[in-house]
């Protein structure tokens, strides 16, 4: 039982770490800003820029 709980926690923490890395690196490479310290307006502007670039 304890081994299953530890395995589940390991998978959750690893998945969160991977998600965090890819989200943060996307905003860093596209808009040169940190996902964790940016405002909502800055993140929305970056998302709009990404949408514009995909449309072209």
PDB file of N, CA and C in Angstrom:
ATOM      1  N   UNK A   1       0.822  -1.200   0.000  1.00  0.00           N
ATOM      2  CA  UNK A   1       0.000   0.000   0.000  1.00  0.00           C
ATOM      3  C   UNK A   1       0.864   1.262   0.000  1.00  0.00           C
ATOM      4  N   UNK A   2       1.848   1.317   0.897  1.00  0.00           N
ATOM      5  CA  UNK A   2       2.718   2.490   0.956  1.00  0.00           C
ATOM      6  C   UNK A   2       3.519   2.665  -0.326  1.00  0.00           C
ATOM      7  N   UNK A   3       3.903   1.551  -0.932  1.00  0.00           N
ATOM      8  CA  UNK A   3       4.679   1.632  -2.167  1.00  0.00           C
ATOM      9  C   UNK A   3       3.827   2.229  -3.294  1.00  0.00           C
ATOM     10  N   UNK A   4       2.554   1.897  -3.340  1.00  0.00           N
ATOM     11  CA  UNK A   4       1.665   2.467  -4.363  1.00  0.00           C
ATOM     12  C   UNK A   4       1.488   3.966  -4.159  1.00  0.00           C
ATOM     13  N   UNK A   5       1.367   4.396  -2.928  1.00  0.00           N
ATOM     14  CA  UNK A   5       1.220   5.821  -2.635  1.00  0.00           C
ATOM     15  C   UNK A   5       2.491   6.573  -3.022  1.00  0.00           C
ATOM     16  N   UNK A   6       3.639   6.024  -2.673  1.00  0.00           N
ATOM     17  CA  UNK A   6       4.906   6.665  -3.039  1.00  0.00           C
ATOM     18  C   UNK A   6       5.090   6.722  -4.548  1.00  0.00           C
ATOM     19  N   UNK A   7       4.706   5.657  -5.238  1.00  0.00           N
ATOM     20  CA  UNK A   7       4.802   5.638  -6.702  1.00  0.00           C
ATOM     21  C   UNK A   7       3.890   6.696  -7.311  1.00  0.00           C
ATOM     22  N   UNK A   8       2.670   6.808  -6.797  1.00  0.00           N
ATOM     23  CA  UNK A   8       1.730   7.813  -7.277  1.00  0.00           C
ATOM     24  C   UNK A   8       2.284   9.216  -7.055  1.00  0.00           C
ATOM     25  N   UNK A   9       2.810   9.493  -5.876  1.00  0.00           N
ATOM     26  CA  UNK A   9       3.388  10.804  -5.594  1.00  0.00           C
ATOM     27  C   UNK A   9       4.576  11.101  -6.494  1.00  0.00           C
ATOM     28  N   UNK A  10       5.393  10.104  -6.749  1.00  0.00           N
ATOM     29  CA  UNK A  10       6.538  10.282  -7.649  1.00  0.00           C
ATOM     30  C   UNK A  10       6.060  10.662  -9.048  1.00  0.00           C
ATOM     31  N   UNK A  11       5.044   9.971  -9.544  1.00  0.00           N
ATOM     32  CA  UNK A  11       4.519  10.261 -10.884  1.00  0.00           C
ATOM     33  C   UNK A  11       3.918  11.665 -10.935  1.00  0.00           C
ATOM     34  N   UNK A  12       3.171  12.050  -9.916  1.00  0.00           N
ATOM     35  CA  UNK A  12       2.552  13.379  -9.888  1.00  0.00           C
ATOM     36  C   UNK A  12       3.611  14.478  -9.847  1.00  0.00           C
ATOM     37  N   UNK A  13       4.599  14.331  -8.997  1.00  0.00           N
ATOM     38  CA  UNK A  13       5.654  15.346  -8.879  1.00  0.00           C
ATOM     39  C   UNK A  13       6.475  15.433 -10.169  1.00  0.00           C
ATOM     40  N   UNK A  14       6.767  14.305 -10.773  1.00  0.00           N
ATOM     41  CA  UNK A  14       7.516  14.298 -12.031  1.00  0.00           C
ATOM     42  C   UNK A  14       6.713  14.955 -13.147  1.00  0.00           C
ATOM     43  N   UNK A  15       5.429  14.645 -13.231  1.00  0.00           N
ATOM     44  CA  UNK A  15       4.576  15.250 -14.259  1.00  0.00           C
ATOM     45  C   UNK A  15       4.472  16.758 -14.061  1.00  0.00           C
ATOM     46  N   UNK A  16       4.309  17.187 -12.817  1.00  0.00           N
ATOM     47  CA  UNK A  16       4.249  18.623 -12.542  1.00  0.00           C
ATOM     48  C   UNK A  16       5.563  19.308 -12.917  1.00  0.00           C
ATOM     49  N   UNK A  17       6.668  18.689 -12.609  1.00  0.00           N
ATOM     50  CA  UNK A  17       7.962  19.257 -12.961  1.00  0.00           C
ATOM     51  C   UNK A  17       8.143  19.402 -14.465  1.00  0.00           C
ATOM     52  N   UNK A  18       7.724  18.391 -15.211  1.00  0.00           N
ATOM     53  CA  UNK A  18       7.821  18.454 -16.675  1.00  0.00           C
ATOM     54  C   UNK A  18       6.903  19.543 -17.222  1.00  0.00           C
ATOM     55  N   UNK A  19       5.673  19.603 -16.718  1.00  0.00           N
ATOM     56  CA  UNK A  19       4.738  20.633 -17.167  1.00  0.00           C
ATOM     57  C   UNK A  19       5.301  22.026 -16.865  1.00  0.00           C
ATOM     58  N   UNK A  20       5.810  22.209 -15.670  1.00  0.00           N
ATOM     59  CA  UNK A  20       6.358  23.491 -15.262  1.00  0.00           C
ATOM     60  C   UNK A  20       7.519  23.899 -16.157  1.00  0.00           C
ATOM     61  N   UNK A  21       8.398  22.968 -16.463  1.00  0.00           N
ATOM     62  CA  UNK A  21       9.554  23.263 -17.313  1.00  0.00           C
ATOM     63  C   UNK A  21       9.110  23.703 -18.707  1.00  0.00           C
ATOM     64  N   UNK A  22       8.186  22.970 -19.322  1.00  0.00           N
ATOM     65  CA  UNK A  22       7.784  23.301 -20.680  1.00  0.00           C
ATOM     66  C   UNK A  22       6.972  24.587 -20.760  1.00  0.00           C
ATOM     67  N   UNK A  23       6.124  24.855 -19.769  1.00  0.00           N
ATOM     68  CA  UNK A  23       5.362  26.103 -19.767  1.00  0.00           C
ATOM     69  C   UNK A  23       6.304  27.283 -19.580  1.00  0.00           C
ATOM     70  N   UNK A  24       7.186  27.188 -18.610  1.00  0.00           N
ATOM     71  CA  UNK A  24       8.107  28.294 -18.332  1.00  0.00           C
ATOM     72  C   UNK A  24       9.036  28.547 -19.515  1.00  0.00           C
ATOM     73  N   UNK A  25       9.529  27.500 -20.151  1.00  0.00           N
ATOM     74  CA  UNK A  25      10.458  27.697 -21.262  1.00  0.00           C
ATOM     75  C   UNK A  25       9.754  28.258 -22.488  1.00  0.00           C
ATOM     76  N   UNK A  26       8.470  27.947 -22.658  1.00  0.00           N
ATOM     77  CA  UNK A  26       7.732  28.496 -23.801  1.00  0.00           C
ATOM     78  C   UNK A  26       7.625  30.008 -23.680  1.00  0.00           C
ATOM     79  N   UNK A  27       7.239  30.504 -22.512  1.00  0.00           N
ATOM     80  CA  UNK A  27       7.123  31.956 -22.331  1.00  0.00           C
ATOM     81  C   UNK A  27       8.491  32.627 -22.366  1.00  0.00           C
ATOM     82  N   UNK A  28       9.501  31.959 -21.850  1.00  0.00           N
ATOM     83  CA  UNK A  28      10.849  32.532 -21.858  1.00  0.00           C
ATOM     84  C   UNK A  28      11.361  32.669 -23.287  1.00  0.00           C
ATOM     85  N   UNK A  29      11.172  31.660 -24.099  1.00  0.00           N
ATOM     86  CA  UNK A  29      11.713  31.704 -25.456  1.00  0.00           C
ATOM     87  C   UNK A  29      10.901  32.613 -26.371  1.00  0.00           C
ATOM     88  N   UNK A  30       9.604  32.685 -26.179  1.00  0.00           N
ATOM     89  CA  UNK A  30       8.761  33.475 -27.070  1.00  0.00           C
ATOM     90  C   UNK A  30       8.764  34.950 -26.706  1.00  0.00           C
ATOM     91  N   UNK A  31       8.649  35.266 -25.430  1.00  0.00           N
ATOM     92  CA  UNK A  31       8.466  36.659 -25.013  1.00  0.00           C
ATOM     93  C   UNK A  31       9.528  37.159 -24.043  1.00  0.00           C
ATOM     94  N   UNK A  32      10.519  36.360 -23.718  1.00  0.00           N
ATOM     95  CA  UNK A  32      11.576  36.724 -22.784  1.00  0.00           C
ATOM     96  C   UNK A  32      11.018  37.185 -21.439  1.00  0.00           C
ATOM     97  N   UNK A  33      10.038  36.446 -20.925  1.00  0.00           N
ATOM     98  CA  UNK A  33       9.544  36.739 -19.591  1.00  0.00           C
ATOM     99  C   UNK A  33       9.322  35.459 -18.810  1.00  0.00           C
ATOM    100  N   UNK A  34       9.360  35.604 -17.523  1.00  0.00           N
ATOM    101  CA  UNK A  34       9.206  34.455 -16.634  1.00  0.00           C
ATOM    102  C   UNK A  34       7.730  34.197 -16.380  1.00  0.00           C
ATOM    103  N   UNK A  35       7.309  32.968 -16.560  1.00  0.00           N
ATOM    104  CA  UNK A  35       5.913  32.601 -16.326  1.00  0.00           C
ATOM    105  C   UNK A  35       5.525  32.862 -14.878  1.00  0.00           C
ATOM    106  N   UNK A  36       6.436  32.603 -13.964  1.00  0.00           N
ATOM    107  CA  UNK A  36       6.102  32.661 -12.542  1.00  0.00           C
ATOM    108  C   UNK A  36       6.067  34.080 -11.998  1.00  0.00           C
ATOM    109  N   UNK A  37       6.728  35.029 -12.635  1.00  0.00           N
ATOM    110  CA  UNK A  37       6.744  36.392 -12.103  1.00  0.00           C
ATOM    111  C   UNK A  37       6.056  37.405 -13.014  1.00  0.00           C
ATOM    112  N   UNK A  38       5.433  36.946 -14.092  1.00  0.00           N
ATOM    113  CA  UNK A  38       4.745  37.842 -15.018  1.00  0.00           C
ATOM    114  C   UNK A  38       3.311  38.080 -14.578  1.00  0.00           C
ATOM    115  N   UNK A  39       2.765  39.207 -15.007  1.00  0.00           N
ATOM    116  CA  UNK A  39       1.365  39.503 -14.709  1.00  0.00           C
ATOM    117  C   UNK A  39       0.473  38.768 -15.704  1.00  0.00           C
ATOM    118  N   UNK A  40      -0.810  38.708 -15.385  1.00  0.00           N
ATOM    119  CA  UNK A  40      -1.764  38.068 -16.293  1.00  0.00           C
ATOM    120  C   UNK A  40      -1.811  38.783 -17.647  1.00  0.00           C
ATOM    121  N   UNK A  41      -1.709  40.104 -17.623  1.00  0.00           N
ATOM    122  CA  UNK A  41      -1.741  40.869 -18.867  1.00  0.00           C
ATOM    123  C   UNK A  41      -0.535  40.527 -19.755  1.00  0.00           C
ATOM    124  N   UNK A  42       0.635  40.376 -19.152  1.00  0.00           N
ATOM    125  CA  UNK A  42       1.824  40.017 -19.930  1.00  0.00           C
ATOM    126  C   UNK A  42       1.677  38.621 -20.535  1.00  0.00           C
ATOM    127  N   UNK A  43       1.134  37.693 -19.763  1.00  0.00           N
ATOM    128  CA  UNK A  43       0.952  36.333 -20.277  1.00  0.00           C
ATOM    129  C   UNK A  43      -0.076  36.295 -21.397  1.00  0.00           C
ATOM    130  N   UNK A  44      -1.156  37.064 -21.265  1.00  0.00           N
ATOM    131  CA  UNK A  44      -2.160  37.121 -22.335  1.00  0.00           C
ATOM    132  C   UNK A  44      -1.576  37.726 -23.600  1.00  0.00           C
ATOM    133  N   UNK A  45      -0.759  38.769 -23.454  1.00  0.00           N
ATOM    134  CA  UNK A  45      -0.122  39.396 -24.616  1.00  0.00           C
ATOM    135  C   UNK A  45       0.804  38.397 -25.305  1.00  0.00           C
ATOM    136  N   UNK A  46       1.503  37.606 -24.543  1.00  0.00           N
ATOM    137  CA  UNK A  46       2.389  36.603 -25.122  1.00  0.00           C
ATOM    138  C   UNK A  46       1.572  35.521 -25.836  1.00  0.00           C
ATOM    139  N   UNK A  47       0.447  35.124 -25.236  1.00  0.00           N
ATOM    140  CA  UNK A  47      -0.419  34.145 -25.888  1.00  0.00           C
ATOM    141  C   UNK A  47      -0.977  34.680 -27.208  1.00  0.00           C
ATOM    142  N   UNK A  48      -1.330  35.967 -27.230  1.00  0.00           N
ATOM    143  CA  UNK A  48      -1.825  36.587 -28.457  1.00  0.00           C
ATOM    144  C   UNK A  48      -0.734  36.603 -29.521  1.00  0.00           C
ATOM    145  N   UNK A  49       0.491  36.904 -29.111  1.00  0.00           N
ATOM    146  CA  UNK A  49       1.612  36.899 -30.050  1.00  0.00           C
ATOM    147  C   UNK A  49       1.803  35.505 -30.634  1.00  0.00           C
ATOM    148  N   UNK A  50       1.710  34.499 -29.802  1.00  0.00           N
ATOM    149  CA  UNK A  50       1.847  33.128 -30.277  1.00  0.00           C
ATOM    150  C   UNK A  50       0.741  32.775 -31.271  1.00  0.00           C
ATOM    151  N   UNK A  51      -0.496  33.212 -31.002  1.00  0.00           N
ATOM    152  CA  UNK A  51      -1.608  32.962 -31.907  1.00  0.00           C
ATOM    153  C   UNK A  51      -1.377  33.642 -33.257  1.00  0.00           C
ATOM    154  N   UNK A  52      -0.880  34.879 -33.207  1.00  0.00           N
ATOM    155  CA  UNK A  52      -0.578  35.603 -34.452  1.00  0.00           C
ATOM    156  C   UNK A  52       0.496  34.895 -35.262  1.00  0.00           C
ATOM    157  N   UNK A  53       1.521  34.398 -34.593  1.00  0.00           N
ATOM    158  CA  UNK A  53       2.609  33.716 -35.295  1.00  0.00           C
ATOM    159  C   UNK A  53       2.147  32.401 -35.913  1.00  0.00           C
ATOM    160  N   UNK A  54       1.253  31.704 -35.265  1.00  0.00           N
ATOM    161  CA  UNK A  54       0.735  30.447 -35.823  1.00  0.00           C
ATOM    162  C   UNK A  54      -0.150  30.689 -37.028  1.00  0.00           C
ATOM    163  N   UNK A  55      -0.822  31.858 -37.065  1.00  0.00           N
ATOM    164  CA  UNK A  55      -1.726  32.165 -38.157  1.00  0.00           C
ATOM    165  C   UNK A  55      -1.011  32.545 -39.437  1.00  0.00           C
ATOM    166  N   UNK A  56       0.250  32.905 -39.342  1.00  0.00           N
ATOM    167  CA  UNK A  56       0.985  33.361 -40.532  1.00  0.00           C
ATOM    168  C   UNK A  56       1.741  32.232 -41.173  1.00  0.00           C
TER     169      UNK A  56
END
